């Protein structure tokens, strides 16, 4: 299957390098206490903040209750500067479309 260069270009454009922002403990003061403690415990003040995250998921998915489950692998980029995450679909469940 030939590579889809426009999808590759889109994918790479969403993978953002760290920006100039750094973690400031005051930025999480309005979060619920458990979330605030988590961030203050895991991030040192001044830590560069990521502007996007790449998630890789895999498993089995059934399209009908009781139906055959097919393997799937998907990657999702969640850019922090976008109002909605981008999810270029890898193709039908069980296919190899979109895999590298």
N, C-alpha and C. Protein backbone atom coordinates (compact mmCIF):
# COMPACT_ATOMS: atom_id res chain seq x y z
N UNK A 1 0.85 -1.17 0.00
CA UNK A 1 0.00 0.00 0.00
C UNK A 1 0.89 1.24 0.00
N UNK A 2 0.71 2.19 -0.92
CA UNK A 2 1.55 3.39 -0.96
C UNK A 2 1.29 4.28 0.25
N UNK A 3 2.34 4.97 0.68
CA UNK A 3 2.22 5.87 1.83
C UNK A 3 1.36 7.07 1.47
N UNK A 4 0.57 7.51 2.41
CA UNK A 4 -0.24 8.72 2.23
C UNK A 4 0.56 9.88 2.81
N UNK A 5 1.25 10.61 1.93
CA UNK A 5 2.15 11.66 2.39
C UNK A 5 1.41 12.82 3.05
N UNK A 6 0.16 13.09 2.63
CA UNK A 6 -0.58 14.18 3.25
C UNK A 6 -0.93 13.83 4.70
N UNK A 7 -1.25 12.57 4.96
CA UNK A 7 -1.53 12.14 6.33
C UNK A 7 -0.26 12.20 7.16
N UNK A 8 0.87 11.78 6.58
CA UNK A 8 2.15 11.85 7.30
C UNK A 8 2.49 13.29 7.65
N UNK A 9 2.26 14.22 6.72
CA UNK A 9 2.55 15.64 6.96
C UNK A 9 1.66 16.18 8.07
N UNK A 10 0.37 15.81 8.05
CA UNK A 10 -0.55 16.24 9.10
C UNK A 10 -0.09 15.70 10.44
N UNK A 11 0.24 14.42 10.47
CA UNK A 11 0.68 13.76 11.71
C UNK A 11 1.89 14.49 12.29
N UNK A 12 2.88 14.76 11.46
CA UNK A 12 4.09 15.42 11.94
C UNK A 12 3.80 16.85 12.39
N UNK A 13 2.86 17.53 11.74
CA UNK A 13 2.55 18.91 12.12
C UNK A 13 1.91 18.97 13.51
N UNK A 14 1.29 17.89 13.95
CA UNK A 14 0.64 17.87 15.26
C UNK A 14 1.60 17.50 16.39
N UNK A 15 2.74 16.90 16.03
CA UNK A 15 3.75 16.55 17.04
C UNK A 15 4.57 17.80 17.33
N UNK A 16 4.21 18.48 18.37
CA UNK A 16 4.84 19.76 18.68
C UNK A 16 5.98 19.58 19.68
N UNK A 17 7.11 20.24 19.44
CA UNK A 17 8.20 20.20 20.43
C UNK A 17 7.79 21.02 21.66
N UNK A 18 8.47 20.81 22.78
CA UNK A 18 8.15 21.62 23.95
C UNK A 18 8.23 23.10 23.62
N UNK A 19 7.32 23.88 24.18
CA UNK A 19 7.32 25.32 23.95
C UNK A 19 8.11 26.00 25.05
N UNK A 20 7.90 27.26 25.21
CA UNK A 20 8.63 28.02 26.21
C UNK A 20 7.99 27.98 27.59
N UNK A 21 6.79 27.38 27.69
CA UNK A 21 6.12 27.35 28.99
C UNK A 21 6.74 26.33 29.91
N UNK A 22 6.80 26.67 31.19
CA UNK A 22 7.30 25.74 32.20
C UNK A 22 6.25 25.60 33.30
N UNK A 23 6.37 24.53 34.08
CA UNK A 23 5.40 24.26 35.13
C UNK A 23 5.54 25.26 36.27
N UNK A 24 4.41 25.85 36.63
CA UNK A 24 4.33 26.76 37.77
C UNK A 24 3.28 26.17 38.71
N UNK A 25 3.65 25.80 39.94
CA UNK A 25 2.69 25.19 40.87
C UNK A 25 1.40 26.02 41.04
N UNK A 26 1.47 27.30 40.85
CA UNK A 26 0.27 28.14 40.98
C UNK A 26 -0.74 27.84 39.87
N UNK A 27 -0.27 27.27 38.75
CA UNK A 27 -1.18 27.00 37.63
C UNK A 27 -2.16 25.87 37.91
N UNK A 28 -1.93 25.09 38.97
CA UNK A 28 -2.83 23.98 39.29
C UNK A 28 -3.62 24.23 40.57
N UNK A 29 -3.56 25.44 41.10
CA UNK A 29 -4.23 25.74 42.37
C UNK A 29 -5.74 25.56 42.31
N UNK A 30 -6.35 25.74 41.15
CA UNK A 30 -7.81 25.62 41.05
C UNK A 30 -8.28 24.19 40.77
N UNK A 31 -7.36 23.24 40.64
CA UNK A 31 -7.74 21.84 40.39
C UNK A 31 -8.19 21.19 41.70
N UNK A 32 -8.97 20.10 41.59
CA UNK A 32 -9.31 19.35 42.81
C UNK A 32 -8.02 18.89 43.51
N UNK A 33 -8.08 18.77 44.81
CA UNK A 33 -6.89 18.46 45.62
C UNK A 33 -6.10 17.25 45.11
N UNK A 34 -6.74 16.11 44.77
CA UNK A 34 -5.94 14.96 44.30
C UNK A 34 -5.15 15.27 43.02
N UNK A 35 -5.78 15.99 42.08
CA UNK A 35 -5.09 16.33 40.84
C UNK A 35 -3.96 17.32 41.12
N UNK A 36 -4.21 18.30 41.97
CA UNK A 36 -3.19 19.29 42.32
C UNK A 36 -1.99 18.61 42.97
N UNK A 37 -2.24 17.68 43.91
CA UNK A 37 -1.13 16.97 44.57
C UNK A 37 -0.34 16.15 43.56
N UNK A 38 -1.06 15.50 42.63
CA UNK A 38 -0.37 14.68 41.62
C UNK A 38 0.61 15.54 40.81
N UNK A 39 0.13 16.65 40.26
CA UNK A 39 1.00 17.50 39.44
C UNK A 39 2.14 18.11 40.26
N UNK A 40 1.85 18.53 41.47
CA UNK A 40 2.90 19.13 42.29
C UNK A 40 3.93 18.09 42.74
N UNK A 41 3.53 16.83 42.80
CA UNK A 41 4.46 15.76 43.17
C UNK A 41 5.30 15.32 41.97
N UNK A 42 4.71 15.28 40.79
CA UNK A 42 5.40 14.72 39.62
C UNK A 42 6.16 15.74 38.79
N UNK A 43 5.82 17.03 38.92
CA UNK A 43 6.48 18.06 38.12
C UNK A 43 7.20 19.05 39.02
N UNK A 44 8.48 19.20 38.80
CA UNK A 44 9.25 20.21 39.55
C UNK A 44 8.96 21.58 38.94
N UNK A 45 8.94 22.62 39.75
CA UNK A 45 8.78 23.96 39.19
C UNK A 45 9.85 24.22 38.12
N UNK A 46 9.41 24.79 37.00
CA UNK A 46 10.34 25.08 35.91
C UNK A 46 10.48 23.97 34.88
N UNK A 47 9.81 22.82 35.08
CA UNK A 47 9.85 21.73 34.10
C UNK A 47 9.20 22.18 32.80
N UNK A 48 9.90 22.01 31.64
CA UNK A 48 9.27 22.37 30.36
C UNK A 48 8.00 21.55 30.14
N UNK A 49 6.95 22.21 29.69
CA UNK A 49 5.67 21.53 29.47
C UNK A 49 5.54 21.07 28.02
N UNK A 50 5.04 19.86 27.86
CA UNK A 50 4.80 19.31 26.53
C UNK A 50 3.64 20.05 25.88
N UNK A 51 3.71 20.20 24.56
CA UNK A 51 2.60 20.83 23.84
C UNK A 51 1.76 19.79 23.11
N UNK A 52 2.22 18.54 23.08
CA UNK A 52 1.42 17.46 22.52
C UNK A 52 1.88 16.14 23.12
N UNK A 53 0.99 15.16 23.06
CA UNK A 53 1.26 13.84 23.60
C UNK A 53 0.83 12.82 22.55
N UNK A 54 1.64 11.78 22.33
CA UNK A 54 1.27 10.70 21.42
C UNK A 54 0.87 9.50 22.27
N UNK A 55 -0.37 9.05 22.10
CA UNK A 55 -0.86 7.86 22.79
C UNK A 55 -0.88 6.71 21.80
N UNK A 56 -0.44 5.54 22.22
CA UNK A 56 -0.52 4.34 21.40
C UNK A 56 -1.42 3.35 22.14
N UNK A 57 -2.42 2.86 21.44
CA UNK A 57 -3.38 1.93 22.03
C UNK A 57 -3.40 0.64 21.22
N UNK A 58 -3.63 -0.46 21.88
CA UNK A 58 -3.80 -1.72 21.17
C UNK A 58 -4.71 -2.62 21.99
N UNK A 59 -5.32 -3.52 21.32
CA UNK A 59 -6.22 -4.45 21.99
C UNK A 59 -7.08 -5.18 20.98
N UNK A 60 -8.26 -5.57 21.43
CA UNK A 60 -9.21 -6.27 20.56
C UNK A 60 -10.52 -5.52 20.66
N UNK A 61 -11.22 -5.44 19.54
CA UNK A 61 -12.47 -4.68 19.51
C UNK A 61 -13.55 -5.51 18.80
N UNK A 62 -14.72 -5.52 19.39
CA UNK A 62 -15.86 -6.20 18.79
C UNK A 62 -16.86 -5.16 18.30
N UNK A 63 -17.34 -5.33 17.11
CA UNK A 63 -18.27 -4.36 16.56
C UNK A 63 -19.72 -4.71 16.84
N UNK A 64 -19.97 -5.93 17.27
CA UNK A 64 -21.31 -6.37 17.65
C UNK A 64 -21.23 -7.15 18.94
N UNK A 65 -22.22 -7.00 19.84
CA UNK A 65 -22.21 -7.81 21.06
C UNK A 65 -22.14 -9.29 20.72
N UNK A 66 -21.19 -9.99 21.29
CA UNK A 66 -21.03 -11.42 21.04
C UNK A 66 -20.33 -11.73 19.73
N UNK A 67 -19.99 -10.71 18.95
CA UNK A 67 -19.34 -10.92 17.66
C UNK A 67 -17.85 -11.20 17.81
N UNK A 68 -17.24 -11.52 16.71
CA UNK A 68 -15.80 -11.79 16.68
C UNK A 68 -15.05 -10.49 16.98
N UNK A 69 -14.04 -10.60 17.82
CA UNK A 69 -13.24 -9.42 18.14
C UNK A 69 -11.98 -9.43 17.28
N UNK A 70 -11.68 -8.28 16.72
CA UNK A 70 -10.52 -8.12 15.85
C UNK A 70 -9.45 -7.30 16.56
N UNK A 71 -8.18 -7.61 16.30
CA UNK A 71 -7.12 -6.81 16.90
C UNK A 71 -7.09 -5.41 16.30
N UNK A 72 -6.68 -4.45 17.10
CA UNK A 72 -6.51 -3.10 16.57
C UNK A 72 -5.30 -2.45 17.22
N UNK A 73 -4.73 -1.52 16.51
CA UNK A 73 -3.68 -0.65 17.02
C UNK A 73 -4.01 0.75 16.53
N UNK A 74 -3.90 1.71 17.40
CA UNK A 74 -4.19 3.10 17.01
C UNK A 74 -3.21 4.03 17.70
N UNK A 75 -2.92 5.13 17.05
CA UNK A 75 -2.13 6.19 17.65
C UNK A 75 -2.97 7.46 17.62
N UNK A 76 -2.86 8.24 18.67
CA UNK A 76 -3.62 9.48 18.77
C UNK A 76 -2.68 10.57 19.26
N UNK A 77 -2.75 11.73 18.63
CA UNK A 77 -1.98 12.87 19.09
C UNK A 77 -2.94 13.84 19.75
N UNK A 78 -2.60 14.21 20.96
CA UNK A 78 -3.40 15.18 21.69
C UNK A 78 -2.58 16.46 21.83
N UNK A 79 -2.78 17.42 20.92
CA UNK A 79 -2.06 18.68 21.05
C UNK A 79 -2.72 19.56 22.10
N UNK A 80 -1.95 20.14 23.00
CA UNK A 80 -2.52 20.95 24.06
C UNK A 80 -2.96 22.32 23.56
N UNK A 81 -2.56 22.68 22.35
CA UNK A 81 -2.92 24.00 21.83
C UNK A 81 -4.14 23.95 20.93
N UNK A 82 -4.76 22.80 20.79
CA UNK A 82 -5.91 22.64 19.92
C UNK A 82 -7.16 22.45 20.77
N UNK A 83 -8.30 23.02 20.34
CA UNK A 83 -9.52 22.82 21.11
C UNK A 83 -10.04 21.40 21.05
N UNK A 84 -9.61 20.62 20.05
CA UNK A 84 -10.03 19.22 20.00
C UNK A 84 -8.86 18.35 19.55
N UNK A 85 -8.79 17.13 20.11
CA UNK A 85 -7.70 16.25 19.74
C UNK A 85 -7.82 15.76 18.31
N UNK A 86 -6.70 15.41 17.73
CA UNK A 86 -6.68 14.86 16.37
C UNK A 86 -6.56 13.35 16.47
N UNK A 87 -7.32 12.65 15.66
CA UNK A 87 -7.28 11.19 15.70
C UNK A 87 -7.30 10.64 14.29
N UNK A 88 -6.15 10.69 13.58
CA UNK A 88 -6.13 10.06 12.25
C UNK A 88 -6.34 8.56 12.41
N UNK A 89 -7.44 8.06 11.95
CA UNK A 89 -7.79 6.65 12.11
C UNK A 89 -6.83 5.77 11.33
N UNK A 90 -6.39 4.65 11.91
CA UNK A 90 -5.44 3.78 11.23
C UNK A 90 -6.10 2.87 10.20
N UNK A 91 -7.39 2.88 10.06
CA UNK A 91 -8.06 2.00 9.12
C UNK A 91 -8.99 1.06 9.85
N UNK A 92 -9.63 0.18 9.10
CA UNK A 92 -10.58 -0.75 9.73
C UNK A 92 -9.89 -1.64 10.77
N UNK A 93 -10.63 -2.04 11.78
CA UNK A 93 -10.08 -2.94 12.81
C UNK A 93 -9.49 -4.17 12.16
N UNK A 94 -8.32 -4.53 12.61
CA UNK A 94 -7.66 -5.73 12.09
C UNK A 94 -6.85 -5.47 10.83
N UNK A 95 -6.98 -4.28 10.22
CA UNK A 95 -6.22 -4.01 9.01
C UNK A 95 -4.83 -3.51 9.37
N UNK A 96 -3.97 -3.42 8.39
CA UNK A 96 -2.63 -2.89 8.62
C UNK A 96 -2.51 -1.50 8.03
N UNK A 97 -3.62 -0.93 7.57
CA UNK A 97 -3.60 0.41 6.98
C UNK A 97 -3.18 1.42 8.03
N UNK A 98 -2.33 2.35 7.66
CA UNK A 98 -1.91 3.39 8.57
C UNK A 98 -0.75 3.00 9.46
N UNK A 99 -0.35 1.72 9.47
CA UNK A 99 0.77 1.29 10.30
C UNK A 99 2.08 1.56 9.61
N UNK A 100 3.09 1.81 10.39
CA UNK A 100 4.43 2.02 9.82
C UNK A 100 5.34 0.94 10.30
